[in-house]
N, C-alpha and C. Protein backbone atom coordinates (compact mmCIF):
# COMPACT_ATOMS: atom_id res chain seq x y z
N MET A 1 29.01 -10.65 14.70
CA MET A 1 28.16 -11.78 14.81
C MET A 1 26.80 -11.33 15.28
N ASP A 2 26.82 -10.76 16.49
CA ASP A 2 25.51 -10.06 17.05
C ASP A 2 24.64 -9.38 15.96
N ALA A 3 25.54 -8.66 15.27
CA ALA A 3 24.66 -7.48 14.12
C ALA A 3 24.16 -8.52 13.13
N LYS A 4 24.56 -9.51 12.64
CA LYS A 4 24.12 -10.47 11.71
C LYS A 4 22.79 -11.17 12.18
N ILE A 5 23.30 -11.55 13.55
CA ILE A 5 21.85 -12.18 14.12
C ILE A 5 20.49 -11.26 14.38
N GLY A 6 21.00 -10.16 14.73
CA GLY A 6 20.03 -9.02 14.95
C GLY A 6 19.30 -8.54 13.49
N LYS A 7 19.91 -8.58 12.54
CA LYS A 7 19.51 -8.37 10.82
C LYS A 7 18.68 -9.51 10.66
N PHE A 8 19.00 -10.79 10.97
CA PHE A 8 18.37 -11.95 10.67
C PHE A 8 17.05 -11.72 11.20
N PHE A 9 17.10 -11.67 12.62
CA PHE A 9 15.52 -11.81 13.07
C PHE A 9 14.87 -10.54 12.73
N ASP A 10 15.45 -9.39 12.46
CA ASP A 10 14.64 -8.23 11.71
C ASP A 10 13.94 -8.63 10.49
N SER A 11 14.81 -9.44 9.60
CA SER A 11 14.08 -9.71 8.37
C SER A 11 12.99 -10.59 8.56
N VAL A 12 13.16 -11.48 9.42
CA VAL A 12 12.07 -12.50 9.89
C VAL A 12 10.93 -11.86 10.28
N GLY A 13 11.14 -10.90 11.19
CA GLY A 13 10.21 -10.22 11.77
C GLY A 13 9.58 -9.19 10.38
N ASN A 14 10.02 -8.74 9.65
CA ASN A 14 9.27 -8.03 8.48
C ASN A 14 8.86 -8.85 7.63
N PHE A 15 9.11 -10.12 7.47
CA PHE A 15 8.59 -10.93 6.65
C PHE A 15 7.30 -11.26 7.23
N PHE A 16 6.90 -11.56 8.43
CA PHE A 16 5.61 -11.68 8.82
C PHE A 16 4.98 -10.61 9.32
N THR A 17 5.36 -9.40 9.57
CA THR A 17 4.65 -8.45 9.79
C THR A 17 4.46 -7.45 8.50
N GLY A 18 5.15 -7.72 7.54
CA GLY A 18 4.80 -6.80 6.28
C GLY A 18 5.76 -5.38 6.50
N GLY A 19 6.77 -5.41 7.18
CA GLY A 19 7.42 -3.95 7.28
C GLY A 19 7.82 -3.48 5.76
N ASP A 20 7.73 -2.49 5.91
CA ASP A 20 7.90 -1.46 4.49
C ASP A 20 8.65 0.01 4.98
N GLN A 21 8.86 0.55 3.79
CA GLN A 21 9.77 1.62 4.23
C GLN A 21 8.73 2.95 3.63
N ILE A 22 7.52 2.54 3.89
CA ILE A 22 6.44 3.71 3.20
C ILE A 22 5.98 4.56 4.64
N PRO A 23 6.15 5.84 4.63
CA PRO A 23 5.76 6.41 5.77
C PRO A 23 4.33 6.38 6.40
N TRP A 24 4.13 6.75 7.68
CA TRP A 24 2.76 6.71 8.15
C TRP A 24 2.37 8.09 8.58
N CYS A 25 1.08 8.28 8.56
CA CYS A 25 0.86 9.70 8.59
C CYS A 25 -0.24 9.55 9.71
N ASP A 26 0.29 10.70 10.93
CA ASP A 26 -0.99 10.51 12.35
C ASP A 26 -2.34 11.17 11.97
N ARG A 27 -2.85 11.17 13.03
CA ARG A 27 -4.27 11.82 12.86
C ARG A 27 -4.28 13.43 12.82
N ASP A 28 -3.35 13.80 13.85
CA ASP A 28 -3.30 15.23 13.76
C ASP A 28 -2.63 16.03 12.70
N ILE A 29 -1.88 15.40 11.76
CA ILE A 29 -1.35 15.77 10.44
C ILE A 29 -2.62 16.06 9.61
N ILE A 30 -3.65 14.76 9.56
CA ILE A 30 -4.57 14.82 8.67
C ILE A 30 -5.31 15.98 9.05
N ALA A 31 -5.63 16.06 10.07
CA ALA A 31 -6.46 17.27 10.66
C ALA A 31 -5.94 18.72 10.23
N GLY A 32 -4.85 18.71 10.32
CA GLY A 32 -4.13 20.01 9.92
C GLY A 32 -4.42 20.18 8.30
N CYS A 33 -4.24 19.22 7.70
CA CYS A 33 -4.65 19.40 6.35
C CYS A 33 -5.80 19.41 5.99
N GLU A 34 -7.04 18.92 6.80
CA GLU A 34 -8.23 19.26 6.26
C GLU A 34 -8.61 20.68 6.97
N ARG A 35 -7.87 21.29 7.61
CA ARG A 35 -8.22 22.76 8.14
C ARG A 35 -7.77 23.53 7.05
N GLU A 36 -6.38 23.34 6.28
CA GLU A 36 -5.89 24.14 5.22
C GLU A 36 -6.81 23.89 3.89
N VAL A 37 -7.25 22.78 3.76
CA VAL A 37 -8.43 22.66 2.54
C VAL A 37 -9.61 23.45 3.00
N ALA A 38 -10.12 23.51 4.13
CA ALA A 38 -11.33 24.23 4.48
C ALA A 38 -11.12 25.63 4.36
N GLU A 39 -9.94 26.37 4.93
CA GLU A 39 -9.52 27.87 4.39
C GLU A 39 -9.03 28.04 3.30
N ALA A 40 -8.79 27.22 2.59
CA ALA A 40 -8.33 27.20 0.96
C ALA A 40 -9.70 27.47 0.37
N ASN A 41 -10.72 26.33 0.71
CA ASN A 41 -12.22 26.60 -0.16
C ASN A 41 -12.81 28.10 0.05
N LYS A 42 -12.08 28.75 1.09
CA LYS A 42 -13.03 30.14 1.17
C LYS A 42 -12.32 31.37 0.31
N GLY A 43 -11.84 30.90 -0.71
CA GLY A 43 -11.46 31.87 -1.76
C GLY A 43 -9.89 31.94 -2.06
N SER A 44 -9.29 30.82 -2.01
CA SER A 44 -7.98 30.75 -2.42
C SER A 44 -8.03 30.54 -3.89
N SER A 45 -7.04 30.60 -4.68
CA SER A 45 -6.78 30.24 -5.86
C SER A 45 -7.19 28.98 -6.18
N ASP A 46 -7.52 28.33 -7.42
CA ASP A 46 -7.67 26.92 -7.70
C ASP A 46 -6.24 26.21 -7.33
N GLU A 47 -5.14 26.89 -7.88
CA GLU A 47 -3.87 25.89 -7.87
C GLU A 47 -3.50 25.81 -6.49
N HIS A 48 -3.65 26.80 -5.45
CA HIS A 48 -3.69 26.57 -3.91
C HIS A 48 -4.34 25.50 -3.57
N ARG A 49 -5.73 25.62 -3.61
CA ARG A 49 -6.82 24.52 -3.12
C ARG A 49 -6.27 23.03 -3.96
N ASN A 50 -5.81 23.21 -5.08
CA ASN A 50 -5.37 21.81 -5.42
C ASN A 50 -4.16 20.96 -4.69
N GLU A 51 -3.12 22.21 -4.32
CA GLU A 51 -1.97 21.74 -3.50
C GLU A 51 -2.43 21.27 -2.04
N CYS A 52 -3.53 22.13 -1.57
CA CYS A 52 -4.00 21.61 -0.08
C CYS A 52 -4.69 20.29 -0.25
N LEU A 53 -5.40 20.20 -1.44
CA LEU A 53 -5.93 18.82 -1.49
C LEU A 53 -4.99 17.62 -1.86
N MET A 54 -3.90 17.69 -2.41
CA MET A 54 -2.86 16.96 -2.86
C MET A 54 -2.39 16.58 -1.23
N ARG A 55 -1.97 17.63 -0.46
CA ARG A 55 -1.55 17.40 0.88
C ARG A 55 -2.47 16.49 1.49
N LEU A 56 -3.75 16.82 1.40
CA LEU A 56 -4.92 15.94 2.29
C LEU A 56 -4.59 14.44 1.67
N SER A 57 -4.85 14.53 0.62
CA SER A 57 -4.61 13.11 -0.11
C SER A 57 -3.52 12.16 0.37
N TRP A 58 -2.19 12.74 0.33
CA TRP A 58 -1.20 12.25 0.56
C TRP A 58 -1.31 11.71 2.18
N ALA A 59 -1.71 12.61 3.03
CA ALA A 59 -1.75 12.37 4.31
C ALA A 59 -2.73 11.27 4.72
N LEU A 60 -4.10 11.11 3.86
CA LEU A 60 -5.05 10.30 3.86
C LEU A 60 -4.53 8.94 3.77
N VAL A 61 -3.79 8.75 2.23
CA VAL A 61 -3.49 7.34 2.06
C VAL A 61 -2.18 6.85 2.69
N HIS A 62 -1.50 7.70 3.71
CA HIS A 62 -0.61 7.17 4.50
C HIS A 62 -0.81 6.91 5.81
N SER A 63 -2.17 6.95 6.08
CA SER A 63 -2.84 6.88 7.33
C SER A 63 -2.68 5.33 7.92
N ARG A 64 -2.98 5.14 9.20
CA ARG A 64 -3.27 3.97 9.54
C ARG A 64 -4.62 3.47 9.71
N GLN A 65 -5.48 4.61 9.49
CA GLN A 65 -6.88 4.04 9.40
C GLN A 65 -7.33 4.00 8.40
N ALA A 66 -8.08 2.42 8.22
CA ALA A 66 -8.41 2.37 6.81
C ALA A 66 -9.53 3.06 6.14
N ASP A 67 -10.34 3.68 6.96
CA ASP A 67 -11.50 4.69 6.49
C ASP A 67 -10.44 5.91 5.72
N ASP A 68 -9.59 6.30 6.53
CA ASP A 68 -8.75 7.31 6.03
C ASP A 68 -8.19 7.11 4.46
N VAL A 69 -7.50 5.77 4.44
CA VAL A 69 -6.85 5.49 3.26
C VAL A 69 -8.08 5.43 2.27
N GLN A 70 -9.19 4.55 2.43
CA GLN A 70 -10.41 4.78 1.36
C GLN A 70 -10.77 6.22 1.10
N ARG A 71 -10.83 7.09 2.01
CA ARG A 71 -11.45 8.46 1.56
C ARG A 71 -10.14 8.92 0.56
N GLY A 72 -9.08 8.84 1.07
CA GLY A 72 -7.77 9.40 0.03
C GLY A 72 -7.96 8.87 -1.39
N ILE A 73 -8.08 7.73 -1.25
CA ILE A 73 -8.27 6.61 -2.78
C ILE A 73 -9.21 7.62 -3.41
N ALA A 74 -10.69 7.84 -2.88
CA ALA A 74 -11.63 8.25 -3.32
C ALA A 74 -11.17 9.71 -3.90
N MET A 75 -10.45 10.69 -2.88
CA MET A 75 -10.13 11.77 -3.54
C MET A 75 -9.35 11.86 -4.81
N LEU A 76 -8.26 10.99 -4.85
CA LEU A 76 -7.59 10.98 -5.79
C LEU A 76 -8.20 10.36 -7.24
N GLU A 77 -8.97 9.57 -6.97
CA GLU A 77 -9.65 8.93 -8.41
C GLU A 77 -10.64 10.02 -8.70
N ALA A 78 -11.18 10.74 -7.82
CA ALA A 78 -12.08 11.80 -8.62
C ALA A 78 -11.11 13.03 -8.98
N ALA A 79 -10.02 13.20 -8.51
CA ALA A 79 -9.24 14.32 -8.96
C ALA A 79 -8.42 13.97 -10.38
N LEU A 80 -8.60 12.59 -10.51
CA LEU A 80 -7.82 12.33 -11.92
C LEU A 80 -8.54 12.80 -13.20
N SER A 81 -9.69 13.24 -13.44
CA SER A 81 -10.26 13.87 -14.28
C SER A 81 -9.74 15.25 -14.32
N ASN A 82 -9.38 15.90 -13.60
CA ASN A 82 -8.89 17.25 -13.59
C ASN A 82 -7.12 17.59 -14.00
N VAL A 83 -6.63 16.27 -13.94
CA VAL A 83 -5.01 16.31 -14.35
C VAL A 83 -4.68 17.27 -15.53
N ARG A 84 -3.83 18.26 -15.52
CA ARG A 84 -3.39 19.27 -16.63
C ARG A 84 -1.87 18.73 -17.04
N ASN A 85 -1.11 17.87 -16.21
CA ASN A 85 0.06 17.29 -17.00
C ASN A 85 0.42 16.15 -16.46
N GLN A 86 1.52 15.61 -17.32
CA GLN A 86 2.09 14.37 -16.90
C GLN A 86 2.78 14.25 -15.44
N LEU A 87 3.18 15.48 -15.14
CA LEU A 87 3.89 15.34 -13.68
C LEU A 87 2.71 14.93 -12.61
N GLN A 88 1.58 15.77 -12.70
CA GLN A 88 0.48 15.71 -11.84
C GLN A 88 -0.26 14.15 -11.78
N MET A 89 -0.21 13.85 -12.99
CA MET A 89 -0.94 11.95 -13.38
C MET A 89 0.11 11.33 -12.52
N ARG A 90 1.47 11.36 -12.92
CA ARG A 90 2.33 10.47 -12.21
C ARG A 90 2.17 10.67 -10.38
N GLU A 91 1.95 12.06 -10.07
CA GLU A 91 1.82 11.79 -8.49
C GLU A 91 0.53 11.19 -8.18
N ARG A 92 -0.56 11.74 -8.84
CA ARG A 92 -1.75 11.04 -8.34
C ARG A 92 -1.94 9.22 -8.59
N PHE A 93 -1.30 9.06 -9.44
CA PHE A 93 -1.12 7.43 -9.79
C PHE A 93 -0.29 6.71 -8.50
N TYR A 94 0.85 7.50 -8.17
CA TYR A 94 1.79 6.98 -7.08
C TYR A 94 1.02 7.00 -5.98
N LEU A 95 0.29 8.25 -5.44
CA LEU A 95 -0.46 8.32 -4.29
C LEU A 95 -1.68 6.98 -4.31
N LEU A 96 -2.24 6.73 -5.59
CA LEU A 96 -3.40 5.89 -5.56
C LEU A 96 -2.55 4.40 -5.34
N ALA A 97 -1.50 4.29 -5.80
CA ALA A 97 -0.81 3.21 -5.48
C ALA A 97 -0.49 2.90 -4.19
N VAL A 98 0.02 3.76 -3.46
CA VAL A 98 0.09 3.60 -2.03
C VAL A 98 -1.06 3.41 -1.38
N GLY A 99 -2.12 4.26 -1.51
CA GLY A 99 -3.56 3.79 -0.82
C GLY A 99 -3.95 2.55 -1.22
N TYR A 100 -3.92 2.03 -2.34
CA TYR A 100 -4.06 0.70 -2.80
C TYR A 100 -3.24 -0.52 -2.01
N TYR A 101 -1.86 -0.29 -2.04
CA TYR A 101 -1.16 -1.15 -1.17
C TYR A 101 -1.34 -1.34 0.34
N ARG A 102 -1.77 0.07 0.75
CA ARG A 102 -2.06 0.16 2.17
C ARG A 102 -3.68 -0.65 2.53
N SER A 103 -4.51 -0.45 1.46
CA SER A 103 -5.57 -1.33 1.64
C SER A 103 -5.59 -2.61 1.54
N GLY A 104 -4.38 -3.26 0.91
CA GLY A 104 -4.20 -4.76 0.71
C GLY A 104 -4.62 -5.27 -0.80
N ASP A 105 -4.84 -4.20 -1.71
CA ASP A 105 -5.12 -4.45 -2.93
C ASP A 105 -3.61 -4.42 -3.91
N TYR A 106 -2.94 -5.32 -3.48
CA TYR A 106 -1.39 -5.32 -4.30
C TYR A 106 -1.63 -5.40 -5.92
N SER A 107 -2.40 -5.96 -6.35
CA SER A 107 -2.42 -6.05 -7.80
C SER A 107 -2.77 -4.77 -8.44
N ARG A 108 -3.67 -4.14 -7.76
CA ARG A 108 -4.35 -2.71 -8.20
C ARG A 108 -3.08 -1.82 -8.07
N SER A 109 -2.41 -1.84 -6.94
CA SER A 109 -1.27 -1.15 -6.73
C SER A 109 -0.10 -1.22 -7.81
N ARG A 110 0.12 -2.31 -8.10
CA ARG A 110 1.18 -2.59 -9.14
C ARG A 110 0.75 -2.21 -10.28
N GLN A 111 -0.43 -2.09 -10.84
CA GLN A 111 -1.03 -1.79 -12.20
C GLN A 111 -0.61 -0.31 -12.16
N LEU A 112 -1.01 0.41 -11.22
CA LEU A 112 -1.08 1.85 -10.88
C LEU A 112 0.41 2.27 -11.05
N LEU A 113 1.40 1.62 -10.49
CA LEU A 113 2.52 1.75 -10.58
C LEU A 113 3.36 1.69 -11.92
N GLU A 114 2.76 0.67 -12.53
CA GLU A 114 3.42 0.64 -13.88
C GLU A 114 2.69 1.90 -14.94
N ARG A 115 1.66 2.20 -14.70
CA ARG A 115 1.36 3.58 -15.40
C ARG A 115 2.04 4.91 -15.15
N CYS A 116 2.67 4.74 -13.71
CA CYS A 116 3.33 5.94 -13.21
C CYS A 116 4.55 5.83 -14.04
N LEU A 117 5.26 4.36 -13.83
CA LEU A 117 6.42 4.16 -14.53
C LEU A 117 6.58 4.58 -15.98
N GLN A 118 5.10 4.21 -16.76
CA GLN A 118 5.20 4.51 -17.88
C GLN A 118 5.65 6.04 -18.09
N ILE A 119 5.12 6.96 -17.33
CA ILE A 119 5.29 8.53 -17.51
C ILE A 119 6.75 8.57 -17.20
N ALA A 120 7.36 8.19 -15.91
CA ALA A 120 8.81 8.49 -15.51
C ALA A 120 9.35 7.05 -15.03
N PRO A 121 9.90 6.49 -16.13
CA PRO A 121 10.62 5.17 -16.13
C PRO A 121 11.44 4.97 -15.03
N ASP A 122 12.16 5.97 -14.35
CA ASP A 122 13.53 6.18 -13.72
C ASP A 122 13.26 6.69 -12.13
N TRP A 123 11.74 6.53 -11.94
CA TRP A 123 11.34 7.45 -10.56
C TRP A 123 11.85 6.46 -9.56
N ARG A 124 12.45 6.81 -8.84
CA ARG A 124 12.97 5.70 -7.73
C ARG A 124 12.21 5.38 -6.50
N GLN A 125 11.02 6.59 -6.25
CA GLN A 125 10.07 6.14 -5.47
C GLN A 125 9.12 5.09 -5.92
N ALA A 126 8.76 5.22 -7.24
CA ALA A 126 7.73 4.45 -7.92
C ALA A 126 8.35 3.12 -7.96
N LEU A 127 9.75 3.04 -8.37
CA LEU A 127 10.37 1.68 -8.45
C LEU A 127 10.69 0.75 -6.94
N THR A 128 10.74 1.91 -6.01
CA THR A 128 11.05 1.14 -4.72
C THR A 128 9.65 0.54 -4.18
N LEU A 129 8.59 1.19 -4.45
CA LEU A 129 7.44 0.75 -3.94
C LEU A 129 6.62 -0.42 -4.82
N LYS A 130 7.08 -0.42 -6.25
CA LYS A 130 6.65 -1.57 -6.84
C LYS A 130 7.46 -2.88 -6.36
N LYS A 131 8.60 -2.63 -6.08
CA LYS A 131 9.61 -3.78 -5.43
C LYS A 131 8.79 -4.45 -4.07
N THR A 132 8.38 -3.41 -3.37
CA THR A 132 7.68 -3.60 -2.21
C THR A 132 6.44 -4.53 -2.60
N VAL A 133 5.52 -3.96 -3.35
CA VAL A 133 4.62 -4.60 -3.66
C VAL A 133 4.45 -5.67 -4.13
N GLU A 134 5.65 -6.26 -5.09
CA GLU A 134 5.98 -7.26 -5.82
C GLU A 134 6.47 -8.44 -4.59
N ASP A 135 6.96 -7.65 -3.71
CA ASP A 135 7.92 -8.86 -2.61
C ASP A 135 6.51 -9.21 -1.87
N ARG A 136 5.58 -8.21 -1.43
CA ARG A 136 4.38 -8.77 -0.65
C ARG A 136 3.48 -9.73 -1.38
N ILE A 137 3.17 -9.50 -2.71
CA ILE A 137 2.77 -10.34 -3.42
C ILE A 137 3.22 -11.67 -3.57
N THR A 138 4.48 -11.97 -3.52
CA THR A 138 5.43 -13.09 -3.50
C THR A 138 5.10 -13.72 -2.13
N LYS A 139 5.33 -12.69 -0.90
CA LYS A 139 5.40 -13.27 0.26
C LYS A 139 3.74 -13.91 0.64
N ASP A 140 2.71 -13.25 0.03
CA ASP A 140 1.38 -13.68 0.45
C ASP A 140 1.23 -14.98 -0.11
N GLY A 141 2.01 -15.27 -1.48
CA GLY A 141 1.92 -16.49 -2.23
C GLY A 141 2.29 -17.41 -1.48
N VAL A 142 3.71 -17.52 -0.97
CA VAL A 142 4.49 -18.31 0.04
C VAL A 142 3.60 -18.88 1.26
N ILE A 143 2.95 -17.82 1.76
CA ILE A 143 2.06 -18.05 2.91
C ILE A 143 0.81 -18.92 2.46
N GLY A 144 0.13 -18.53 1.31
CA GLY A 144 -0.90 -19.34 0.74
C GLY A 144 -0.58 -20.69 0.61
N ILE A 145 0.42 -20.87 -0.18
CA ILE A 145 0.80 -22.48 -0.36
C ILE A 145 1.22 -23.04 0.69
N GLY A 146 1.92 -22.40 1.73
CA GLY A 146 1.98 -22.95 3.23
C GLY A 146 0.81 -23.48 3.82
N ILE A 147 -0.16 -22.43 3.81
CA ILE A 147 -1.38 -22.75 4.40
C ILE A 147 -1.92 -24.16 3.66
N ALA A 148 -2.03 -24.03 2.11
CA ALA A 148 -2.65 -25.23 1.59
C ALA A 148 -2.01 -26.35 1.73
N ALA A 149 -0.84 -26.29 2.02
CA ALA A 149 0.20 -27.67 2.17
C ALA A 149 -0.34 -28.16 3.53
N THR A 150 -0.31 -27.33 4.33
CA THR A 150 -0.73 -27.71 5.79
C THR A 150 -2.18 -28.35 5.76
N ALA A 151 -3.08 -27.80 5.15
CA ALA A 151 -4.34 -28.29 5.01
C ALA A 151 -4.34 -29.43 4.49
N VAL A 152 -3.60 -29.82 3.28
CA VAL A 152 -3.40 -31.25 2.70
C VAL A 152 -2.93 -32.24 3.56
N GLY A 153 -1.99 -31.76 4.41
CA GLY A 153 -1.28 -32.82 5.06
C GLY A 153 -2.04 -33.00 6.35
N LEU A 154 -2.75 -32.27 6.80
CA LEU A 154 -3.70 -32.42 7.96
C LEU A 154 -4.66 -33.42 7.28
N LEU A 155 -5.55 -33.11 6.15
CA LEU A 155 -6.58 -34.01 5.75
C LEU A 155 -5.69 -35.52 5.43
N ALA A 156 -4.79 -35.44 4.98
CA ALA A 156 -4.16 -36.60 4.59
C ALA A 156 -3.70 -37.46 5.76
N GLY A 157 -3.37 -36.84 6.87
CA GLY A 157 -3.31 -37.34 8.22
C GLY A 157 -4.60 -37.53 8.79
N GLY A 158 -5.68 -36.92 8.52
CA GLY A 158 -6.65 -37.83 9.25
C GLY A 158 -7.33 -38.77 8.47
N ILE A 159 -7.44 -39.16 7.02
CA ILE A 159 -7.62 -40.11 6.32
C ILE A 159 -7.13 -41.26 6.97
N ALA A 160 -5.62 -41.12 6.82
CA ALA A 160 -4.53 -42.08 7.34
C ALA A 160 -4.97 -42.86 8.68
N ALA A 161 -5.22 -41.80 9.75
CA ALA A 161 -5.66 -42.23 11.10
C ALA A 161 -6.97 -42.97 11.06
N ALA A 162 -7.94 -42.52 10.12
CA ALA A 162 -9.34 -43.01 9.95
C ALA A 162 -9.17 -44.31 9.45
N LEU A 163 -8.18 -44.80 8.59
CA LEU A 163 -8.02 -46.21 7.76
C LEU A 163 -7.13 -46.95 8.78
N ALA A 164 -6.27 -46.40 9.46
CA ALA A 164 -5.56 -47.31 10.77
C ALA A 164 -6.77 -47.75 11.62
N ARG A 165 -7.40 -47.04 12.00
CA ARG A 165 -8.22 -47.30 12.87
C ARG A 165 -9.31 -48.57 12.63
N LYS A 166 -9.77 -48.49 11.31
CA LYS A 166 -10.84 -49.50 10.79
C LYS A 166 -9.97 -50.59 10.61
N LYS A 167 -8.81 -50.76 10.79
CA LYS A 167 -7.80 -52.12 10.61
C LYS A 167 -7.80 -52.48 11.91
């Protein structure tokens, strides 16, 4: 019974905090990836440099800092033109979707996940993130409806109180 109550309170907490299963990345990991990219720029192969840039992009879009997420999105969008195969395209679409999800642009995130799933329809990571995005869109809609209903209720109550005072 206690376990069920605990799960209930966890689910209520996740509803209001937007809990998800997407990992976060710490600033020290980002700094390590930035050092790796700087060293790769000193003469490594294009393939190694691209791998380092992808790791840095991954770290940035998984950051808790909005500036890092935006920087990761910009890096990934700039790299889309250099994609050589479908697997790389899928990875970039997915990371962009994570970045847009983290920045609160849920509709853009969902669009990118749909493009990703066109390439790999059964990719569990993308399917899970798409469900998370759609749940967040639904939750925001429910909260928005609740706020609108409260505002209408307050307005109607205020009008009713004003009319009652006039009588």
